[in-house]
Amino acid sequence: MDTFDIITEICETRDRAIAEGMPFQNALHFAQHVISEKYHISGKIVKKLSRN
């Protein structure tokens, strides 16, 4: 898995959360947390990858 796969998965997870009615910022934090847990990556690194 490379960086672009992780970023893509963050965006897809965020977009699914938004489609379910979650506000953008909450959806982004949710996606970061989910991906961090799923791939055992530090939350700090995931946040850096998904900066706006």
Protein backbone atom coordinates (compact mmCIF):
# COMPACT_ATOMS: atom_id res chain seq x y z
CA MET A 1 0.00 0.00 0.00
CA ASP A 2 1.45 3.36 -0.95
CA THR A 3 0.66 6.93 0.04
CA PHE A 4 -1.80 7.50 -2.78
CA ASP A 5 -3.82 4.43 -1.83
CA ILE A 6 -4.10 5.71 1.72
CA ILE A 7 -5.14 9.19 0.60
CA THR A 8 -7.71 7.69 -1.76
CA GLU A 9 -9.16 5.55 1.01
CA ILE A 10 -9.36 8.57 3.35
CA CYS A 11 -11.27 10.50 0.68
CA GLU A 12 -13.63 7.62 -0.06
CA THR A 13 -14.37 7.06 3.63
CA ARG A 14 -14.92 10.80 4.12
CA ASP A 15 -17.26 10.97 1.12
CA ARG A 16 -19.31 8.02 2.40
CA ALA A 17 -19.68 9.71 5.79
CA ILE A 18 -20.76 12.96 4.13
CA ALA A 19 -23.31 11.05 2.04
CA GLU A 20 -24.76 9.71 5.30
CA GLY A 21 -25.28 13.29 6.53
CA MET A 22 -22.13 13.98 8.54
CA PRO A 23 -20.65 17.51 8.28
CA PHE A 24 -17.43 17.76 6.26
CA GLN A 25 -15.04 18.42 9.14
CA ASN A 26 -16.52 15.63 11.28
CA ALA A 27 -16.41 13.27 8.30
CA LEU A 28 -12.75 14.08 7.70
CA HIS A 29 -11.84 13.40 11.33
CA PHE A 30 -13.87 10.20 11.24
CA ALA A 31 -12.11 9.03 8.06
CA GLN A 32 -8.70 9.81 9.51
CA HIS A 33 -9.48 7.79 12.60
CA VAL A 34 -10.88 4.82 10.65
CA ILE A 35 -7.88 4.63 8.31
CA SER A 36 -5.45 5.07 11.19
CA GLU A 37 -7.01 2.12 12.99
CA LYS A 38 -7.45 -0.01 9.86
CA TYR A 39 -3.83 0.22 8.69
CA HIS A 40 -2.17 0.74 12.10
CA ILE A 41 -0.74 4.10 11.07
CA SER A 42 -0.16 6.93 13.52
CA GLY A 43 -3.05 9.40 13.58
CA LYS A 44 -0.52 12.23 13.27
CA ILE A 45 0.77 10.83 9.97
CA VAL A 46 -2.74 10.31 8.61
CA LYS A 47 -3.63 13.92 9.46
CA LYS A 48 -0.53 15.15 7.64
CA LEU A 49 -1.47 13.15 4.56
CA SER A 50 -5.00 14.52 4.48
CA ARG A 51 -4.33 18.21 5.10
CA ASN A 52 -6.61 20.53 3.15
